[in-house]
Amino acid sequence: MDIIPIKYVHDSLLVLDQTRLPNEVVWFSISTRDELYEAIKSLRVRGAPAIGVAAALGIAICAREYAEEEFTSFYEHFCEDKAYINSSRPTAVNLSWALERMAACVRKCKDLPVSEIKKVLLAEATAVRQEDEDGCRMLGEHGLTLLRPGMGILTHCNAGALATARYGTALSPLYIGHEQGYDFKVYADETRPLLQGARLTAFELSEAGIDVTLICDNMASLVMKQGRIDAVLVGCDRMAANGDGANKIGTSALAILAKEYDIPFYMFVPTSTIDLATPDGSGIEIELRPGSEITDLWYEKPMAPAGIKTYNPAFDVTEAKHITAVVTEQGIARPPYTESLKIMIDKANAK
């Protein structure tokens, strides 16, 4: 199954509804800013790169319907929508990155008729999607150089095709390795409380014919101790300039465990996810989500006392000292990350 979760076809943005997986494969269309906001906020589209792609295409489609014909009023309307959409999820930097790239595109076109600006916006959004697909393929090529045939791989959350335009970030080398007969043995954390590992990673890897075993999050230490894991591969939603990386809640615990068991811990980070303006992980805002995701979401009836207090951060920050290497589409960065990440950004900007 070739999974492409975001498509622009027949002048429409189509998104695979990830809240319905794995039991139903349902596509829905987005044509308004409210529909785009809701899709991102509710996790119907999720994964930092995929959020960026959806935001770029979505705001281009919204702008296509603006009635303004004069640049200043058109740009004011665009900025209002940009700010609203950007507020849907605060942690993943790809969202703000993609929206600002689209805004910069508008500013560059200020001397063109608004009708032409709308066409340029759509072309720019299409380029964002294609660049993400191409970059994910390169992430996989670079990441595969760190792995050997037959390795046991631990994953967390979903950093696969469903989280990107195609291929994935941390799962990309698994797909490319599978094409080459690497015979990986993958252990996928279920990833509480939203179960992205169980619902999404297990789904897409099994559909691709990759050997995948689902485990509960709290089994990770045991499978490491038993020698089943040779490398940990995870994605990233925002990486600070020093190499601290925010990813789905539970990631930092895996990094600490991997260090204890002397297992390499690799974080896969598109350069669009690197935030050099944030010095370290303490400056990354952590999204808090409803407690009902813990107490009610996957149960026929509530599984906690009524009225119990909950705390549901969606992400945690893995300190750079626990990350063996950072894989980008421009190559592999190693400590000190304050130097190597900047080199990767410079390579990306030079193209």
C-alpha atoms as a PDB file:
ATOM      1  CA  MET A   1       0.000   0.000   0.000  1.00  0.00           C
ATOM      2  CA  ASP A   2       1.522   3.305  -1.128  1.00  0.00           C
ATOM      3  CA  ILE A   3       0.353   5.725   1.557  1.00  0.00           C
ATOM      4  CA  ILE A   4       0.057   9.364   0.524  1.00  0.00           C
ATOM      5  CA  PRO A   5      -2.029  11.060   3.253  1.00  0.00           C
ATOM      6  CA  ILE A   6      -2.438  14.488   1.603  1.00  0.00           C
ATOM      7  CA  LYS A   7      -3.458  14.974  -2.017  1.00  0.00           C
ATOM      8  CA  TYR A   8      -4.315  17.929  -4.208  1.00  0.00           C
ATOM      9  CA  VAL A   9      -6.539  16.626  -6.990  1.00  0.00           C
ATOM     10  CA  HIS A  10      -9.195  18.284  -9.163  1.00  0.00           C
ATOM     11  CA  ASP A  11      -8.583  21.649  -7.431  1.00  0.00           C
ATOM     12  CA  SER A  12      -9.355  20.123  -4.016  1.00  0.00           C
ATOM     13  CA  LEU A  13      -7.292  19.313  -0.934  1.00  0.00           C
ATOM     14  CA  LEU A  14      -7.980  15.751   0.185  1.00  0.00           C
ATOM     15  CA  VAL A  15      -6.755  14.455   3.531  1.00  0.00           C
ATOM     16  CA  LEU A  16      -6.774  10.920   4.896  1.00  0.00           C
ATOM     17  CA  ASP A  17      -8.630  11.007   8.230  1.00  0.00           C
ATOM     18  CA  GLN A  18      -6.140   9.465  10.655  1.00  0.00           C
ATOM     19  CA  THR A  19      -8.637   9.386  13.519  1.00  0.00           C
ATOM     20  CA  ARG A  20     -10.526   6.649  11.627  1.00  0.00           C
ATOM     21  CA  LEU A  21      -7.521   4.377  11.101  1.00  0.00           C
ATOM     22  CA  PRO A  22      -6.876   1.472  11.159  1.00  0.00           C
ATOM     23  CA  ASN A  23     -10.473   0.304  10.864  1.00  0.00           C
ATOM     24  CA  GLU A  24     -11.643   2.737   8.187  1.00  0.00           C
ATOM     25  CA  VAL A  25      -9.872   4.494   5.327  1.00  0.00           C
ATOM     26  CA  VAL A  26     -11.803   7.735   4.933  1.00  0.00           C
ATOM     27  CA  TRP A  27     -10.837  10.810   2.880  1.00  0.00           C
ATOM     28  CA  PHE A  28     -12.277  14.278   3.425  1.00  0.00           C
ATOM     29  CA  SER A  29     -11.868  17.581   1.609  1.00  0.00           C
ATOM     30  CA  ILE A  30     -10.735  20.931   3.031  1.00  0.00           C
ATOM     31  CA  SER A  31     -11.831  24.220   1.489  1.00  0.00           C
ATOM     32  CA  THR A  32     -12.114  26.690   4.407  1.00  0.00           C
ATOM     33  CA  ARG A  33      -9.834  27.913   7.177  1.00  0.00           C
ATOM     34  CA  ASP A  34     -12.195  26.484   9.824  1.00  0.00           C
ATOM     35  CA  GLU A  35     -12.040  23.047   8.210  1.00  0.00           C
ATOM     36  CA  LEU A  36      -8.246  23.252   8.100  1.00  0.00           C
ATOM     37  CA  TYR A  37      -8.007  24.404  11.729  1.00  0.00           C
ATOM     38  CA  GLU A  38     -10.300  21.605  12.883  1.00  0.00           C
ATOM     39  CA  ALA A  39      -8.435  18.955  10.895  1.00  0.00           C
ATOM     40  CA  ILE A  40      -5.109  19.918  12.482  1.00  0.00           C
ATOM     41  CA  LYS A  41      -6.474  20.493  15.996  1.00  0.00           C
ATOM     42  CA  SER A  42      -8.392  17.207  16.071  1.00  0.00           C
ATOM     43  CA  LEU A  43      -5.412  15.235  14.674  1.00  0.00           C
ATOM     44  CA  ARG A  44      -7.253  14.191  11.565  1.00  0.00           C
ATOM     45  CA  VAL A  45      -4.052  15.361   9.906  1.00  0.00           C
ATOM     46  CA  ARG A  46      -0.987  14.981  12.143  1.00  0.00           C
ATOM     47  CA  GLY A  47       2.776  14.654  12.073  1.00  0.00           C
ATOM     48  CA  ALA A  48       4.880  17.804  11.838  1.00  0.00           C
ATOM     49  CA  PRO A  49       5.733  17.574   8.096  1.00  0.00           C
ATOM     50  CA  ALA A  50       2.175  16.605   7.105  1.00  0.00           C
ATOM     51  CA  ILE A  51       0.767  19.491   9.142  1.00  0.00           C
ATOM     52  CA  GLY A  52       3.066  21.868   7.274  1.00  0.00           C
ATOM     53  CA  VAL A  53       2.042  20.473   3.884  1.00  0.00           C
ATOM     54  CA  ALA A  54      -1.662  20.638   4.770  1.00  0.00           C
ATOM     55  CA  ALA A  55      -1.293  24.199   6.045  1.00  0.00           C
ATOM     56  CA  ALA A  56       0.482  25.364   2.885  1.00  0.00           C
ATOM     57  CA  LEU A  57      -2.038  23.785   0.527  1.00  0.00           C
ATOM     58  CA  GLY A  58      -4.963  24.698   2.767  1.00  0.00           C
ATOM     59  CA  ILE A  59      -4.196  28.403   3.021  1.00  0.00           C
ATOM     60  CA  ALA A  60      -3.557  28.577  -0.719  1.00  0.00           C
ATOM     61  CA  ILE A  61      -7.017  27.142  -1.308  1.00  0.00           C
ATOM     62  CA  CYS A  62      -8.553  29.550   1.221  1.00  0.00           C
ATOM     63  CA  ALA A  63      -6.846  32.516  -0.455  1.00  0.00           C
ATOM     64  CA  ARG A  64      -8.219  31.428  -3.801  1.00  0.00           C
ATOM     65  CA  GLU A  65     -11.685  32.388  -2.545  1.00  0.00           C
ATOM     66  CA  TYR A  66     -10.806  35.844  -1.189  1.00  0.00           C
ATOM     67  CA  ALA A  67     -12.917  38.605  -2.738  1.00  0.00           C
ATOM     68  CA  GLU A  68     -10.289  41.342  -2.312  1.00  0.00           C
ATOM     69  CA  GLU A  69      -8.670  42.567  -5.518  1.00  0.00           C
ATOM     70  CA  GLU A  70      -6.244  45.093  -3.988  1.00  0.00           C
ATOM     71  CA  PHE A  71      -2.970  43.798  -2.508  1.00  0.00           C
ATOM     72  CA  THR A  72      -3.077  45.410   0.946  1.00  0.00           C
ATOM     73  CA  SER A  73      -6.541  44.146   1.831  1.00  0.00           C
ATOM     74  CA  PHE A  74      -5.768  40.736   0.294  1.00  0.00           C
ATOM     75  CA  TYR A  75      -2.620  40.439   2.420  1.00  0.00           C
ATOM     76  CA  GLU A  76      -4.454  41.544   5.583  1.00  0.00           C
ATOM     77  CA  HIS A  77      -7.058  38.838   4.997  1.00  0.00           C
ATOM     78  CA  PHE A  78      -4.281  36.311   4.383  1.00  0.00           C
ATOM     79  CA  CYS A  79      -2.504  37.249   7.632  1.00  0.00           C
ATOM     80  CA  GLU A  80      -5.722  36.877   9.618  1.00  0.00           C
ATOM     81  CA  ASP A  81      -6.172  33.347   8.304  1.00  0.00           C
ATOM     82  CA  LYS A  82      -2.478  32.600   8.826  1.00  0.00           C
ATOM     83  CA  ALA A  83      -2.618  33.586  12.507  1.00  0.00           C
ATOM     84  CA  TYR A  84      -5.796  31.601  13.089  1.00  0.00           C
ATOM     85  CA  ILE A  85      -4.497  28.429  11.455  1.00  0.00           C
ATOM     86  CA  ASN A  86      -1.148  28.763  13.230  1.00  0.00           C
ATOM     87  CA  SER A  87      -2.909  28.701  16.616  1.00  0.00           C
ATOM     88  CA  SER A  88      -4.265  25.183  16.025  1.00  0.00           C
ATOM     89  CA  ARG A  89      -1.167  23.428  17.431  1.00  0.00           C
ATOM     90  CA  PRO A  90       1.758  25.232  19.082  1.00  0.00           C
ATOM     91  CA  THR A  91       4.573  22.685  19.289  1.00  0.00           C
ATOM     92  CA  ALA A  92       5.227  21.509  15.726  1.00  0.00           C
ATOM     93  CA  VAL A  93       7.367  24.187  14.063  1.00  0.00           C
ATOM     94  CA  ASN A  94       6.498  23.003  10.541  1.00  0.00           C
ATOM     95  CA  LEU A  95       3.088  24.636  10.893  1.00  0.00           C
ATOM     96  CA  SER A  96       4.440  28.140  11.468  1.00  0.00           C
ATOM     97  CA  TRP A  97       7.317  27.504   9.041  1.00  0.00           C
ATOM     98  CA  ALA A  98       4.993  26.566   6.179  1.00  0.00           C
ATOM     99  CA  LEU A  99       2.580  29.426   6.845  1.00  0.00           C
ATOM    100  CA  GLU A 100       5.400  31.974   6.982  1.00  0.00           C
ATOM    101  CA  ARG A 101       6.826  30.597   3.739  1.00  0.00           C
ATOM    102  CA  MET A 102       3.445  31.157   2.122  1.00  0.00           C
ATOM    103  CA  ALA A 103       3.252  34.677   3.577  1.00  0.00           C
ATOM    104  CA  ALA A 104       6.708  35.454   2.214  1.00  0.00           C
ATOM    105  CA  CYS A 105       5.513  34.245  -1.168  1.00  0.00           C
ATOM    106  CA  VAL A 106       2.620  36.728  -1.037  1.00  0.00           C
ATOM    107  CA  ARG A 107       4.949  39.592  -0.112  1.00  0.00           C
ATOM    108  CA  LYS A 108       7.293  38.808  -3.003  1.00  0.00           C
ATOM    109  CA  CYS A 109       4.346  39.034  -5.391  1.00  0.00           C
ATOM    110  CA  LYS A 110       2.981  42.380  -4.154  1.00  0.00           C
ATOM    111  CA  ASP A 111       3.355  43.976  -7.581  1.00  0.00           C
ATOM    112  CA  LEU A 112       1.351  41.262  -9.336  1.00  0.00           C
ATOM    113  CA  PRO A 113      -2.422  41.260  -9.782  1.00  0.00           C
ATOM    114  CA  VAL A 114      -4.171  39.393  -6.952  1.00  0.00           C
ATOM    115  CA  SER A 115      -5.435  36.825  -9.451  1.00  0.00           C
ATOM    116  CA  GLU A 116      -1.816  35.969 -10.286  1.00  0.00           C
ATOM    117  CA  ILE A 117      -0.804  35.881  -6.616  1.00  0.00           C
ATOM    118  CA  LYS A 118      -3.400  33.176  -6.027  1.00  0.00           C
ATOM    119  CA  LYS A 119      -1.834  31.052  -8.771  1.00  0.00           C
ATOM    120  CA  VAL A 120       1.685  31.576  -7.393  1.00  0.00           C
ATOM    121  CA  LEU A 121       0.498  30.594  -3.900  1.00  0.00           C
ATOM    122  CA  LEU A 122      -0.848  27.298  -5.156  1.00  0.00           C
ATOM    123  CA  ALA A 123       2.392  26.600  -7.013  1.00  0.00           C
ATOM    124  CA  GLU A 124       4.382  27.367  -3.839  1.00  0.00           C
ATOM    125  CA  ALA A 125       2.196  25.045  -1.761  1.00  0.00           C
ATOM    126  CA  THR A 126       2.627  22.285  -4.333  1.00  0.00           C
ATOM    127  CA  ALA A 127       6.389  22.808  -4.084  1.00  0.00           C
ATOM    128  CA  VAL A 128       6.204  22.463  -0.273  1.00  0.00           C
ATOM    129  CA  ARG A 129       4.503  19.094  -0.699  1.00  0.00           C
ATOM    130  CA  GLN A 130       6.976  17.835  -3.306  1.00  0.00           C
ATOM    131  CA  GLU A 131       9.987  19.033  -1.332  1.00  0.00           C
ATOM    132  CA  ASP A 132       8.734  17.158   1.726  1.00  0.00           C
ATOM    133  CA  GLU A 133       8.330  13.959  -0.290  1.00  0.00           C
ATOM    134  CA  ASP A 134      11.813  14.319  -1.794  1.00  0.00           C
ATOM    135  CA  GLY A 135      13.316  15.212   1.579  1.00  0.00           C
ATOM    136  CA  CYS A 136      11.762  12.204   3.285  1.00  0.00           C
ATOM    137  CA  ARG A 137      13.271   9.935   0.665  1.00  0.00           C
ATOM    138  CA  MET A 138      16.682  11.447   1.400  1.00  0.00           C
ATOM    139  CA  LEU A 139      16.106  11.069   5.147  1.00  0.00           C
ATOM    140  CA  GLY A 140      15.618   7.384   4.488  1.00  0.00           C
ATOM    141  CA  GLU A 141      18.734   7.106   2.334  1.00  0.00           C
ATOM    142  CA  HIS A 142      20.896   8.799   4.968  1.00  0.00           C
ATOM    143  CA  GLY A 143      19.275   6.906   7.830  1.00  0.00           C
ATOM    144  CA  LEU A 144      19.819   3.540   6.202  1.00  0.00           C
ATOM    145  CA  THR A 145      23.590   4.072   6.353  1.00  0.00           C
ATOM    146  CA  LEU A 146      23.291   3.832  10.151  1.00  0.00           C
ATOM    147  CA  LEU A 147      21.521   0.473  10.071  1.00  0.00           C
ATOM    148  CA  ARG A 148      22.397  -3.126   9.223  1.00  0.00           C
ATOM    149  CA  PRO A 149      20.286  -5.974   7.821  1.00  0.00           C
ATOM    150  CA  GLY A 150      18.346  -7.914  10.423  1.00  0.00           C
ATOM    151  CA  MET A 151      18.454  -5.222  13.102  1.00  0.00           C
ATOM    152  CA  GLY A 152      15.779  -4.910  15.749  1.00  0.00           C
ATOM    153  CA  ILE A 153      14.294  -1.411  15.620  1.00  0.00           C
ATOM    154  CA  LEU A 154      12.165   0.339  18.248  1.00  0.00           C
ATOM    155  CA  THR A 155       9.799   3.105  17.119  1.00  0.00           C
ATOM    156  CA  HIS A 156       7.562   5.525  19.001  1.00  0.00           C
ATOM    157  CA  CYS A 157       4.428   7.351  17.860  1.00  0.00           C
ATOM    158  CA  ASN A 158       4.123   7.516  14.056  1.00  0.00           C
ATOM    159  CA  ALA A 159       6.928   9.031  12.004  1.00  0.00           C
ATOM    160  CA  GLY A 160       5.967   7.251   8.826  1.00  0.00           C
ATOM    161  CA  ALA A 161       4.230   8.030   5.567  1.00  0.00           C
ATOM    162  CA  LEU A 162       1.093   9.078   7.420  1.00  0.00           C
ATOM    163  CA  ALA A 163       3.012  11.896   9.137  1.00  0.00           C
ATOM    164  CA  THR A 164       4.528  13.333   5.942  1.00  0.00           C
ATOM    165  CA  ALA A 165       3.868  13.832   2.259  1.00  0.00           C
ATOM    166  CA  ARG A 166       5.292  10.338   1.620  1.00  0.00           C
ATOM    167  CA  TYR A 167       7.778   7.776   3.011  1.00  0.00           C
ATOM    168  CA  GLY A 168       7.988   9.280   6.499  1.00  0.00           C
ATOM    169  CA  THR A 169      10.934  10.494   8.537  1.00  0.00           C
ATOM    170  CA  ALA A 170      12.047   7.862  11.059  1.00  0.00           C
ATOM    171  CA  LEU A 171      10.260   5.091   9.150  1.00  0.00           C
ATOM    172  CA  SER A 172      11.680   6.069   5.762  1.00  0.00           C
ATOM    173  CA  PRO A 173      14.860   3.955   6.141  1.00  0.00           C
ATOM    174  CA  LEU A 174      12.690   0.986   7.093  1.00  0.00           C
ATOM    175  CA  TYR A 175      10.800   1.245   3.811  1.00  0.00           C
ATOM    176  CA  ILE A 176      13.964   1.689   1.764  1.00  0.00           C
ATOM    177  CA  GLY A 177      15.693  -1.122   3.659  1.00  0.00           C
ATOM    178  CA  HIS A 178      12.685  -3.356   3.096  1.00  0.00           C
ATOM    179  CA  GLU A 179      12.999  -2.727  -0.657  1.00  0.00           C
ATOM    180  CA  GLN A 180      16.590  -3.965  -0.390  1.00  0.00           C
ATOM    181  CA  GLY A 181      15.843  -7.058   1.710  1.00  0.00           C
ATOM    182  CA  TYR A 182      17.139  -5.782   5.066  1.00  0.00           C
ATOM    183  CA  ASP A 183      14.590  -7.890   7.001  1.00  0.00           C
ATOM    184  CA  PHE A 184      14.238  -5.503   9.937  1.00  0.00           C
ATOM    185  CA  LYS A 185      12.381  -6.645  13.062  1.00  0.00           C
ATOM    186  CA  VAL A 186      10.406  -3.619  14.213  1.00  0.00           C
ATOM    187  CA  TYR A 187       8.918  -3.141  17.670  1.00  0.00           C
ATOM    188  CA  ALA A 188       6.320  -0.372  17.695  1.00  0.00           C
ATOM    189  CA  ASP A 189       5.392   1.331  20.953  1.00  0.00           C
ATOM    190  CA  GLU A 190       1.599   1.735  21.165  1.00  0.00           C
ATOM    191  CA  THR A 191       2.179   5.375  22.250  1.00  0.00           C
ATOM    192  CA  ARG A 192      -0.390   6.301  24.861  1.00  0.00           C
ATOM    193  CA  PRO A 193      -2.743   8.074  25.092  1.00  0.00           C
ATOM    194  CA  LEU A 194      -3.561   8.561  21.392  1.00  0.00           C
ATOM    195  CA  LEU A 195      -2.140   5.199  20.274  1.00  0.00           C
ATOM    196  CA  GLN A 196      -0.429   6.472  17.122  1.00  0.00           C
ATOM    197  CA  GLY A 197       1.944   3.508  17.264  1.00  0.00           C
ATOM    198  CA  ALA A 198      -0.856   0.963  17.518  1.00  0.00           C
ATOM    199  CA  ARG A 199      -3.273   2.604  15.104  1.00  0.00           C
ATOM    200  CA  LEU A 200      -0.894   4.106  12.562  1.00  0.00           C
ATOM    201  CA  THR A 201       2.670   2.725  12.659  1.00  0.00           C
ATOM    202  CA  ALA A 202       1.526  -0.871  13.068  1.00  0.00           C
ATOM    203  CA  PHE A 203      -1.011  -0.287  10.303  1.00  0.00           C
ATOM    204  CA  GLU A 204       1.313   1.167   7.685  1.00  0.00           C
ATOM    205  CA  LEU A 205       4.284  -1.134   8.367  1.00  0.00           C
ATOM    206  CA  SER A 206       2.139  -4.263   8.274  1.00  0.00           C
ATOM    207  CA  GLU A 207       0.486  -3.035   5.064  1.00  0.00           C
ATOM    208  CA  ALA A 208       3.989  -2.684   3.585  1.00  0.00           C
ATOM    209  CA  GLY A 209       4.905  -6.247   4.559  1.00  0.00           C
ATOM    210  CA  ILE A 210       7.463  -5.216   7.190  1.00  0.00           C
ATOM    211  CA  ASP A 211       7.872  -7.448  10.248  1.00  0.00           C
ATOM    212  CA  VAL A 212       6.339  -5.365  13.056  1.00  0.00           C
ATOM    213  CA  THR A 213       5.452  -6.314  16.635  1.00  0.00           C
ATOM    214  CA  LEU A 214       3.244  -4.047  18.738  1.00  0.00           C
ATOM    215  CA  ILE A 215       4.212  -3.486  22.390  1.00  0.00           C
ATOM    216  CA  CYS A 216       2.910  -1.342  25.229  1.00  0.00           C
ATOM    217  CA  ASP A 217       5.008   1.715  26.015  1.00  0.00           C
ATOM    218  CA  ASN A 218       6.071   0.334  29.386  1.00  0.00           C
ATOM    219  CA  MET A 219       7.582  -2.779  27.759  1.00  0.00           C
ATOM    220  CA  ALA A 220      10.392  -0.848  26.070  1.00  0.00           C
ATOM    221  CA  SER A 221      12.927  -1.368  28.859  1.00  0.00           C
ATOM    222  CA  LEU A 222      12.378  -5.130  28.857  1.00  0.00           C
ATOM    223  CA  VAL A 223      12.776  -5.614  25.096  1.00  0.00           C
ATOM    224  CA  MET A 224      15.950  -3.519  25.243  1.00  0.00           C
ATOM    225  CA  LYS A 225      17.325  -5.593  28.108  1.00  0.00           C
ATOM    226  CA  GLN A 226      16.476  -8.801  26.245  1.00  0.00           C
ATOM    227  CA  GLY A 227      18.664  -7.691  23.329  1.00  0.00           C
ATOM    228  CA  ARG A 228      15.795  -7.351  20.871  1.00  0.00           C
ATOM    229  CA  ILE A 229      16.570  -3.704  20.050  1.00  0.00           C
ATOM    230  CA  ASP A 230      19.648  -2.568  18.101  1.00  0.00           C
ATOM    231  CA  ALA A 231      18.544   1.015  17.419  1.00  0.00           C
ATOM    232  CA  VAL A 232      15.765   3.446  18.361  1.00  0.00           C
ATOM    233  CA  LEU A 233      14.324   5.553  15.531  1.00  0.00           C
ATOM    234  CA  VAL A 234      12.028   8.483  16.308  1.00  0.00           C
ATOM    235  CA  GLY A 235      10.771  11.616  14.629  1.00  0.00           C
ATOM    236  CA  CYS A 236      10.738  15.188  15.884  1.00  0.00           C
ATOM    237  CA  ASP A 237       8.226  18.036  15.956  1.00  0.00           C
ATOM    238  CA  ARG A 238      10.650  20.828  16.846  1.00  0.00           C
ATOM    239  CA  MET A 239      14.407  20.787  17.407  1.00  0.00           C
ATOM    240  CA  ALA A 240      16.135  23.635  19.211  1.00  0.00           C
ATOM    241  CA  ALA A 241      19.490  25.046  18.114  1.00  0.00           C
ATOM    242  CA  ASN A 242      21.393  22.958  20.691  1.00  0.00           C
ATOM    243  CA  GLY A 243      19.858  19.657  19.539  1.00  0.00           C
ATOM    244  CA  ASP A 244      17.139  19.292  22.170  1.00  0.00           C
ATOM    245  CA  GLY A 245      14.205  17.706  20.343  1.00  0.00           C
ATOM    246  CA  ALA A 246      10.488  17.778  21.130  1.00  0.00           C
ATOM    247  CA  ASN A 247       8.622  14.672  20.078  1.00  0.00           C
ATOM    248  CA  LYS A 248       5.568  12.702  21.160  1.00  0.00           C
ATOM    249  CA  ILE A 249       5.266  12.206  24.907  1.00  0.00           C
ATOM    250  CA  GLY A 250       7.367   9.249  26.044  1.00  0.00           C
ATOM    251  CA  THR A 251      10.229   9.841  23.621  1.00  0.00           C
ATOM    252  CA  SER A 252      12.622  11.232  26.229  1.00  0.00           C
ATOM    253  CA  ALA A 253      12.164   8.157  28.416  1.00  0.00           C
ATOM    254  CA  LEU A 254      13.204   5.948  25.502  1.00  0.00           C
ATOM    255  CA  ALA A 255      16.322   8.049  24.956  1.00  0.00           C
ATOM    256  CA  ILE A 256      17.324   7.663  28.600  1.00  0.00           C
ATOM    257  CA  LEU A 257      16.707   3.908  28.448  1.00  0.00           C
ATOM    258  CA  ALA A 258      18.694   3.607  25.222  1.00  0.00           C
ATOM    259  CA  LYS A 259      21.638   5.368  26.856  1.00  0.00           C
ATOM    260  CA  GLU A 260      21.443   2.942  29.803  1.00  0.00           C
ATOM    261  CA  TYR A 261      21.489  -0.099  27.501  1.00  0.00           C
ATOM    262  CA  ASP A 262      24.087   1.376  25.108  1.00  0.00           C
ATOM    263  CA  ILE A 263      21.674   1.418  22.172  1.00  0.00           C
ATOM    264  CA  PRO A 264      21.973   4.184  19.542  1.00  0.00           C
ATOM    265  CA  PHE A 265      19.113   6.676  19.584  1.00  0.00           C
ATOM    266  CA  TYR A 266      18.505   8.415  16.256  1.00  0.00           C
ATOM    267  CA  MET A 267      16.167  11.371  15.796  1.00  0.00           C
ATOM    268  CA  PHE A 268      14.971  12.061  12.243  1.00  0.00           C
ATOM    269  CA  VAL A 269      14.517  15.776  11.688  1.00  0.00           C
ATOM    270  CA  PRO A 270      13.745  17.566   8.401  1.00  0.00           C
ATOM    271  CA  THR A 271      15.587  20.887   8.316  1.00  0.00           C
ATOM    272  CA  SER A 272      12.182  22.625   8.294  1.00  0.00           C
ATOM    273  CA  THR A 273      11.724  21.221  11.808  1.00  0.00           C
ATOM    274  CA  ILE A 274      14.953  22.747  13.146  1.00  0.00           C
ATOM    275  CA  ASP A 275      14.287  25.997  14.993  1.00  0.00           C
ATOM    276  CA  LEU A 276      17.574  27.874  15.319  1.00  0.00           C
ATOM    277  CA  ALA A 277      15.705  30.797  16.908  1.00  0.00           C
ATOM    278  CA  THR A 278      15.037  28.631  19.987  1.00  0.00           C
ATOM    279  CA  PRO A 279      18.329  28.149  21.868  1.00  0.00           C
ATOM    280  CA  ASP A 280      17.344  25.016  23.793  1.00  0.00           C
ATOM    281  CA  GLY A 281      14.417  22.799  24.690  1.00  0.00           C
ATOM    282  CA  SER A 282      13.239  24.977  27.565  1.00  0.00           C
ATOM    283  CA  GLY A 283      11.921  27.441  24.977  1.00  0.00           C
ATOM    284  CA  ILE A 284       9.669  24.913  23.229  1.00  0.00           C
ATOM    285  CA  GLU A 285       5.997  25.320  24.106  1.00  0.00           C
ATOM    286  CA  ILE A 286       4.422  21.987  25.030  1.00  0.00           C
ATOM    287  CA  GLU A 287       0.843  21.471  23.905  1.00  0.00           C
ATOM    288  CA  LEU A 288      -1.595  20.329  26.596  1.00  0.00           C
ATOM    289  CA  ARG A 289      -4.537  18.259  25.435  1.00  0.00           C
ATOM    290  CA  PRO A 290      -7.862  17.249  27.041  1.00  0.00           C
ATOM    291  CA  GLY A 291      -7.760  14.736  29.876  1.00  0.00           C
ATOM    292  CA  SER A 292     -10.562  12.793  28.206  1.00  0.00           C
ATOM    293  CA  GLU A 293      -7.925  11.355  25.864  1.00  0.00           C
ATOM    294  CA  ILE A 294      -6.559   9.492  28.903  1.00  0.00           C
ATOM    295  CA  THR A 295      -9.786   8.567  30.678  1.00  0.00           C
ATOM    296  CA  ASP A 296     -12.394   8.006  27.972  1.00  0.00           C
ATOM    297  CA  LEU A 297     -11.225   8.067  24.387  1.00  0.00           C
ATOM    298  CA  TRP A 298     -10.594   4.391  23.628  1.00  0.00           C
ATOM    299  CA  TYR A 299     -12.995   2.833  26.120  1.00  0.00           C
ATOM    300  CA  GLU A 300     -16.631   1.794  25.958  1.00  0.00           C
ATOM    301  CA  LYS A 301     -17.041   3.408  29.368  1.00  0.00           C
ATOM    302  CA  PRO A 302     -14.744   5.686  31.413  1.00  0.00           C
ATOM    303  CA  MET A 303     -11.718   3.906  32.887  1.00  0.00           C
ATOM    304  CA  ALA A 304     -10.979   6.431  35.650  1.00  0.00           C
ATOM    305  CA  PRO A 305     -12.955   7.889  38.570  1.00  0.00           C
ATOM    306  CA  ALA A 306     -15.372  10.621  37.569  1.00  0.00           C
ATOM    307  CA  GLY A 307     -13.850  14.051  38.023  1.00  0.00           C
ATOM    308  CA  ILE A 308     -10.282  12.799  38.468  1.00  0.00           C
ATOM    309  CA  LYS A 309      -7.617  15.415  37.726  1.00  0.00           C
ATOM    310  CA  THR A 310      -5.577  14.733  34.609  1.00  0.00           C
ATOM    311  CA  TYR A 311      -2.383  16.038  33.039  1.00  0.00           C
ATOM    312  CA  ASN A 312      -1.984  15.357  29.344  1.00  0.00           C
ATOM    313  CA  PRO A 313       1.083  16.961  27.702  1.00  0.00           C
ATOM    314  CA  ALA A 314       1.302  15.909  24.057  1.00  0.00           C
ATOM    315  CA  PHE A 315       5.111  16.142  23.832  1.00  0.00           C
ATOM    316  CA  ASP A 316       8.282  15.972  25.860  1.00  0.00           C
ATOM    317  CA  VAL A 317      11.785  17.194  25.095  1.00  0.00           C
ATOM    318  CA  THR A 318      14.704  14.797  24.649  1.00  0.00           C
ATOM    319  CA  GLU A 319      17.962  16.424  25.690  1.00  0.00           C
ATOM    320  CA  ALA A 320      20.659  16.587  23.060  1.00  0.00           C
ATOM    321  CA  LYS A 321      23.049  14.611  25.238  1.00  0.00           C
ATOM    322  CA  HIS A 322      20.839  11.534  24.782  1.00  0.00           C
ATOM    323  CA  ILE A 323      20.636  11.746  20.972  1.00  0.00           C
ATOM    324  CA  THR A 324      23.300   9.712  19.162  1.00  0.00           C
ATOM    325  CA  ALA A 325      22.775  11.454  15.829  1.00  0.00           C
ATOM    326  CA  VAL A 326      20.257  13.660  14.061  1.00  0.00           C
ATOM    327  CA  VAL A 327      19.307  12.546  10.560  1.00  0.00           C
ATOM    328  CA  THR A 328      18.227  15.273   8.134  1.00  0.00           C
ATOM    329  CA  GLU A 329      17.588  15.293   4.396  1.00  0.00           C
ATOM    330  CA  GLN A 330      20.925  17.119   4.046  1.00  0.00           C
ATOM    331  CA  GLY A 331      22.931  14.473   5.896  1.00  0.00           C
ATOM    332  CA  ILE A 332      23.681  13.243   9.410  1.00  0.00           C
ATOM    333  CA  ALA A 333      24.418  15.732  12.187  1.00  0.00           C
ATOM    334  CA  ARG A 334      26.426  14.707  15.232  1.00  0.00           C
ATOM    335  CA  PRO A 335      27.409  16.538  18.419  1.00  0.00           C
ATOM    336  CA  PRO A 336      28.066  19.346  18.981  1.00  0.00           C
ATOM    337  CA  TYR A 337      24.662  20.067  17.475  1.00  0.00           C
ATOM    338  CA  THR A 338      25.000  23.825  17.820  1.00  0.00           C
ATOM    339  CA  GLU A 339      27.510  23.553  14.975  1.00  0.00           C
ATOM    340  CA  SER A 340      26.274  20.599  12.919  1.00  0.00           C
ATOM    341  CA  LEU A 341      22.607  21.645  12.785  1.00  0.00           C
ATOM    342  CA  LYS A 342      23.545  25.063  11.457  1.00  0.00           C
ATOM    343  CA  ILE A 343      25.576  23.369   8.724  1.00  0.00           C
ATOM    344  CA  MET A 344      22.497  21.349   7.719  1.00  0.00           C
ATOM    345  CA  ILE A 345      20.362  24.490   7.609  1.00  0.00           C
ATOM    346  CA  ASP A 346      22.960  26.282   5.499  1.00  0.00           C
ATOM    347  CA  LYS A 347      23.035  23.352   3.061  1.00  0.00           C
ATOM    348  CA  ALA A 348      19.236  23.452   2.757  1.00  0.00           C
ATOM    349  CA  ASN A 349      19.180  27.212   2.227  1.00  0.00           C
ATOM    350  CA  ALA A 350      21.884  26.994  -0.439  1.00  0.00           C
ATOM    351  CA  LYS A 351      19.671  24.887  -2.688  1.00  0.00           C
END
